[in-house]
N, C-alpha and C. Protein backbone atom coordinates (compact mmCIF):
# COMPACT_ATOMS: atom_id res chain seq x y z
N UNK A 1 81.96 73.45 31.21
CA UNK A 1 80.98 73.51 32.33
C UNK A 1 80.20 74.82 32.04
N UNK A 2 78.84 74.74 32.41
CA UNK A 2 78.01 75.77 32.28
C UNK A 2 77.75 76.46 33.43
N UNK A 3 77.75 77.74 33.35
CA UNK A 3 77.48 78.56 34.49
C UNK A 3 76.00 79.12 34.65
N UNK A 4 75.71 79.22 35.90
CA UNK A 4 74.29 79.60 36.31
C UNK A 4 74.35 80.90 36.60
N UNK A 5 73.43 81.88 36.17
CA UNK A 5 73.41 83.19 36.54
C UNK A 5 72.20 83.16 37.46
N UNK A 6 72.44 83.83 38.62
CA UNK A 6 71.45 84.06 39.61
C UNK A 6 70.95 85.50 39.49
N UNK A 7 69.53 85.38 39.50
CA UNK A 7 68.82 86.72 39.15
C UNK A 7 68.04 86.96 40.54
N UNK A 8 68.15 88.11 41.20
CA UNK A 8 67.39 88.42 42.28
C UNK A 8 66.52 89.18 42.10
N UNK A 9 65.23 89.02 42.21
CA UNK A 9 64.17 90.11 41.81
C UNK A 9 63.91 90.89 43.20
N UNK A 10 63.63 92.00 43.16
CA UNK A 10 63.40 92.68 44.38
C UNK A 10 61.86 92.53 44.70
N UNK A 11 61.54 92.24 45.88
CA UNK A 11 60.14 91.99 46.33
C UNK A 11 59.52 93.40 46.66
N UNK A 12 58.14 93.42 46.34
CA UNK A 12 57.56 94.64 46.76
C UNK A 12 57.68 95.03 48.19
N UNK A 13 57.79 96.12 48.64
CA UNK A 13 57.88 96.51 50.07
C UNK A 13 56.58 96.04 50.71
N UNK A 14 56.82 95.47 51.94
CA UNK A 14 55.79 95.15 52.78
C UNK A 14 55.13 96.44 53.37
N UNK A 15 53.76 96.42 53.43
CA UNK A 15 53.09 97.36 53.90
C UNK A 15 52.70 97.08 55.43
N UNK A 16 53.15 97.75 56.22
CA UNK A 16 52.94 97.60 57.62
C UNK A 16 51.74 98.48 57.90
N UNK A 17 50.75 97.83 58.65
CA UNK A 17 49.73 98.36 59.40
C UNK A 17 50.06 98.89 60.60
N UNK A 18 49.86 100.12 60.83
CA UNK A 18 50.19 100.66 62.16
C UNK A 18 49.01 100.47 63.00
N UNK A 19 49.19 99.95 64.33
CA UNK A 19 48.21 99.58 65.31
C UNK A 19 48.51 100.54 66.55
N UNK A 20 47.48 101.17 66.72
CA UNK A 20 47.42 102.06 67.96
C UNK A 20 47.76 101.47 69.18
N UNK A 21 48.49 102.02 70.04
CA UNK A 21 48.89 101.54 71.48
C UNK A 21 48.02 101.72 72.49
N UNK A 22 46.79 102.34 71.97
CA UNK A 22 45.78 102.85 72.96
C UNK A 22 45.02 101.61 73.44
N UNK A 23 45.04 100.51 72.93
CA UNK A 23 44.43 99.17 73.23
C UNK A 23 45.29 98.11 74.12
N UNK A 24 46.42 98.75 74.21
CA UNK A 24 47.12 97.91 75.18
C UNK A 24 47.97 96.86 74.32
N UNK A 25 48.10 97.01 72.94
CA UNK A 25 48.57 96.02 72.09
C UNK A 25 50.17 95.97 72.29
N UNK A 26 50.78 94.89 72.10
CA UNK A 26 52.15 94.64 72.42
C UNK A 26 52.62 94.04 71.07
N UNK A 27 53.90 94.05 70.68
CA UNK A 27 54.43 93.46 69.26
C UNK A 27 54.43 91.96 69.69
N UNK A 28 54.26 91.20 68.62
CA UNK A 28 54.27 89.78 68.77
C UNK A 28 55.87 89.20 68.62
N UNK A 29 56.37 88.48 69.54
CA UNK A 29 57.67 88.24 69.46
C UNK A 29 58.00 86.84 69.25
N UNK A 30 56.88 85.77 69.32
CA UNK A 30 57.22 84.51 69.20
C UNK A 30 55.91 83.95 68.40
N UNK A 31 56.13 82.84 67.91
CA UNK A 31 54.94 82.12 67.22
C UNK A 31 53.86 81.56 68.17
N UNK A 32 54.27 81.22 69.40
CA UNK A 32 53.11 81.06 70.35
C UNK A 32 52.55 82.29 70.91
N UNK A 33 51.27 82.21 70.92
CA UNK A 33 50.33 83.33 71.45
C UNK A 33 50.16 83.11 73.08
N UNK A 34 50.90 84.16 73.80
CA UNK A 34 50.83 83.77 75.38
C UNK A 34 49.36 84.06 75.89
N UNK A 35 49.16 83.08 76.90
CA UNK A 35 47.88 83.23 77.75
C UNK A 35 47.67 84.75 78.21
N UNK A 36 46.44 84.98 77.81
CA UNK A 36 46.11 86.53 78.21
C UNK A 36 46.13 87.33 77.13
N UNK A 37 46.51 86.91 75.91
CA UNK A 37 46.58 87.89 74.73
C UNK A 37 46.03 87.06 73.55
N UNK A 38 45.51 87.69 72.41
CA UNK A 38 45.12 87.18 71.31
C UNK A 38 45.72 87.96 70.21
N UNK A 39 45.54 87.48 68.87
CA UNK A 39 46.23 88.15 67.80
C UNK A 39 45.43 89.27 67.35
N UNK A 40 46.04 90.43 67.10
CA UNK A 40 45.20 91.65 66.67
C UNK A 40 44.51 91.41 65.38
N UNK A 41 43.38 91.90 65.12
CA UNK A 41 42.36 91.38 64.03
C UNK A 41 42.90 92.09 62.76
N UNK A 42 43.73 93.30 62.96
CA UNK A 42 44.10 94.00 61.47
C UNK A 42 45.56 93.63 61.33
N UNK A 43 46.36 93.22 62.16
CA UNK A 43 47.72 93.16 62.14
C UNK A 43 48.24 91.98 62.84
N UNK A 44 48.53 91.03 62.17
CA UNK A 44 48.92 89.67 62.86
C UNK A 44 50.31 89.90 63.63
N UNK A 45 51.06 90.88 63.45
CA UNK A 45 52.41 91.14 64.22
C UNK A 45 52.23 91.84 65.60
N UNK A 46 50.87 91.96 66.01
CA UNK A 46 50.42 92.52 67.30
C UNK A 46 49.47 91.69 67.95
N UNK A 47 49.68 91.72 69.32
CA UNK A 47 48.90 91.04 70.08
C UNK A 47 47.89 92.06 71.08
N UNK A 48 46.73 91.43 71.32
CA UNK A 48 46.05 92.47 72.04
C UNK A 48 45.41 91.58 73.45
N UNK A 49 45.61 92.26 74.53
CA UNK A 49 45.18 91.73 75.80
C UNK A 49 43.80 91.17 75.86
N UNK A 50 43.44 90.13 76.62
CA UNK A 50 42.08 89.77 76.80
C UNK A 50 41.91 89.81 78.23
N UNK A 51 41.12 90.70 78.42
CA UNK A 51 40.90 91.32 80.21
C UNK A 51 40.49 90.05 80.86
N UNK A 52 39.40 89.11 80.40
CA UNK A 52 39.23 88.08 81.27
C UNK A 52 40.28 87.15 81.62
N UNK A 53 40.84 86.72 80.54
CA UNK A 53 42.33 85.91 80.86
C UNK A 53 43.16 86.53 81.81
N UNK A 54 43.46 88.02 81.67
CA UNK A 54 44.55 88.63 82.50
C UNK A 54 43.90 88.68 84.11
N UNK A 55 42.63 88.82 84.11
CA UNK A 55 41.90 88.96 85.42
C UNK A 55 42.02 87.61 86.02
N UNK A 56 41.89 86.49 85.27
CA UNK A 56 41.96 85.21 85.71
C UNK A 56 43.27 84.79 86.50
N UNK A 57 44.42 85.40 85.62
CA UNK A 57 45.77 85.10 86.11
C UNK A 57 45.94 85.84 87.35
N UNK A 58 45.43 87.04 87.51
CA UNK A 58 45.57 87.81 88.84
C UNK A 58 44.94 86.92 89.97
N UNK A 59 43.89 86.38 89.80
CA UNK A 59 43.28 85.63 90.64
C UNK A 59 43.76 84.24 90.98
N UNK A 60 44.37 83.62 89.98
CA UNK A 60 45.13 82.47 90.19
C UNK A 60 46.39 82.65 91.02
N UNK A 61 47.03 83.87 90.72
CA UNK A 61 48.08 84.21 91.59
C UNK A 61 47.79 84.36 92.95
N UNK A 62 46.63 84.86 93.35
CA UNK A 62 46.09 85.05 94.70
C UNK A 62 45.87 83.64 95.34
N UNK A 63 45.25 82.81 94.53
CA UNK A 63 44.97 81.38 94.81
C UNK A 63 46.34 80.54 95.22
N UNK A 64 47.33 80.75 94.48
CA UNK A 64 48.50 80.02 94.72
C UNK A 64 49.23 80.80 96.14
N UNK A 65 49.14 82.09 96.30
CA UNK A 65 49.51 82.69 97.51
C UNK A 65 48.91 82.24 98.60
N UNK A 66 47.54 81.82 98.47
CA UNK A 66 46.71 81.40 99.68
C UNK A 66 46.92 79.66 99.65
N UNK A 67 47.94 79.12 99.14
CA UNK A 67 48.33 77.88 99.24
C UNK A 67 47.34 76.85 98.57
N UNK A 68 46.49 77.14 97.68
CA UNK A 68 45.86 76.42 96.80
C UNK A 68 46.88 75.45 95.87
N UNK A 69 46.55 74.24 95.46
CA UNK A 69 47.47 73.61 94.74
C UNK A 69 47.53 73.91 93.26
N UNK A 70 48.73 73.97 92.55
CA UNK A 70 48.87 74.32 91.23
C UNK A 70 47.83 73.57 90.27
N UNK A 71 47.47 72.36 90.47
CA UNK A 71 46.64 71.59 89.71
C UNK A 71 45.15 72.02 89.93
N UNK A 72 44.67 72.46 91.06
CA UNK A 72 43.39 72.93 91.30
C UNK A 72 43.15 74.31 90.64
N UNK A 73 44.22 75.09 90.83
CA UNK A 73 44.33 76.51 89.90
C UNK A 73 44.28 76.39 88.66
N UNK A 74 45.08 75.48 88.10
CA UNK A 74 44.89 75.18 86.77
C UNK A 74 43.54 74.85 86.10
N UNK A 75 43.02 73.77 86.92
CA UNK A 75 41.52 73.53 86.55
C UNK A 75 40.56 74.78 86.62
N UNK A 76 40.67 75.57 87.71
CA UNK A 76 39.72 76.67 87.76
C UNK A 76 40.16 77.64 86.62
N UNK A 77 41.28 77.87 86.24
CA UNK A 77 41.47 78.92 85.24
C UNK A 77 40.92 78.51 83.98
N UNK A 78 41.12 77.16 83.63
CA UNK A 78 40.61 76.51 82.49
C UNK A 78 38.95 76.66 82.50
N UNK A 79 38.27 76.62 83.64
CA UNK A 79 36.69 76.62 83.51
C UNK A 79 36.43 78.11 83.50
N UNK A 80 37.15 79.08 84.20
CA UNK A 80 36.91 80.47 84.05
C UNK A 80 37.14 81.15 82.73
N UNK A 81 38.03 80.71 81.90
CA UNK A 81 38.37 81.35 80.71
C UNK A 81 37.99 80.53 79.67
N UNK A 82 37.87 79.14 79.53
CA UNK A 82 37.49 78.45 78.39
C UNK A 82 38.72 78.25 77.58
N UNK A 83 40.11 78.57 78.13
CA UNK A 83 41.29 78.51 77.30
C UNK A 83 42.16 77.57 78.11
N UNK A 84 42.67 76.36 77.39
CA UNK A 84 43.48 75.65 77.97
C UNK A 84 44.87 76.19 78.36
N UNK A 85 45.44 75.43 79.43
CA UNK A 85 46.95 76.02 79.78
C UNK A 85 47.29 74.86 80.39
N UNK A 86 48.84 74.68 80.23
CA UNK A 86 49.31 73.29 80.89
C UNK A 86 49.93 73.96 82.27
N UNK A 87 50.10 72.93 83.00
CA UNK A 87 50.52 73.20 84.51
C UNK A 87 51.88 74.03 84.47
N UNK A 88 52.83 73.62 83.51
CA UNK A 88 54.05 74.16 83.59
C UNK A 88 54.05 75.46 82.97
N UNK A 89 53.07 75.78 82.02
CA UNK A 89 52.74 77.05 81.43
C UNK A 89 52.18 78.03 82.68
N UNK A 90 51.21 77.47 83.15
CA UNK A 90 50.80 78.43 84.40
C UNK A 90 51.60 78.84 85.31
N UNK A 91 52.66 77.69 85.75
CA UNK A 91 53.68 77.86 86.75
C UNK A 91 54.84 79.04 86.22
N UNK A 92 55.09 78.89 84.96
CA UNK A 92 56.01 79.70 84.26
C UNK A 92 55.32 81.21 84.22
N UNK A 93 54.13 81.40 83.94
CA UNK A 93 53.67 82.62 83.80
C UNK A 93 53.49 83.31 85.14
N UNK A 94 52.97 82.69 86.23
CA UNK A 94 52.81 83.13 87.51
C UNK A 94 54.04 83.47 88.08
N UNK A 95 55.28 82.71 87.81
CA UNK A 95 56.45 82.91 88.56
C UNK A 95 57.39 84.22 87.81
N UNK A 96 57.12 84.29 86.50
CA UNK A 96 57.85 85.09 85.75
C UNK A 96 57.40 86.65 85.56
N UNK A 97 56.15 86.64 85.36
CA UNK A 97 55.45 87.87 85.02
C UNK A 97 55.46 88.71 86.12
N UNK A 98 55.93 89.94 86.23
CA UNK A 98 55.85 90.63 87.47
C UNK A 98 54.76 91.60 87.55
N UNK A 99 54.05 91.87 86.35
CA UNK A 99 52.96 92.79 86.36
C UNK A 99 51.42 92.17 86.71
N UNK A 100 51.71 90.98 87.31
CA UNK A 100 50.27 90.21 87.53
C UNK A 100 49.93 90.49 88.86
């Protein structure tokens, strides 16, 4: 029987771009980009907040507190930001995020 010799080559070290946190950047933790953030233009491992979307989430929270329906708030947020969001996603964001 013939033996196979495995050869492991060391890959070159990854160069990590440093991203200053003065922009409010946060490290990317998952494949999905959360509503209110976009991928950093220099380093795909970081997310940058989108002020328009975060403000819309704050207003959406107020609308829900004022007893508007979740569906109407979802339609409003889509029109206000131009970014689609599911009803379940909106519900999850507004119920779990404490900083809104």
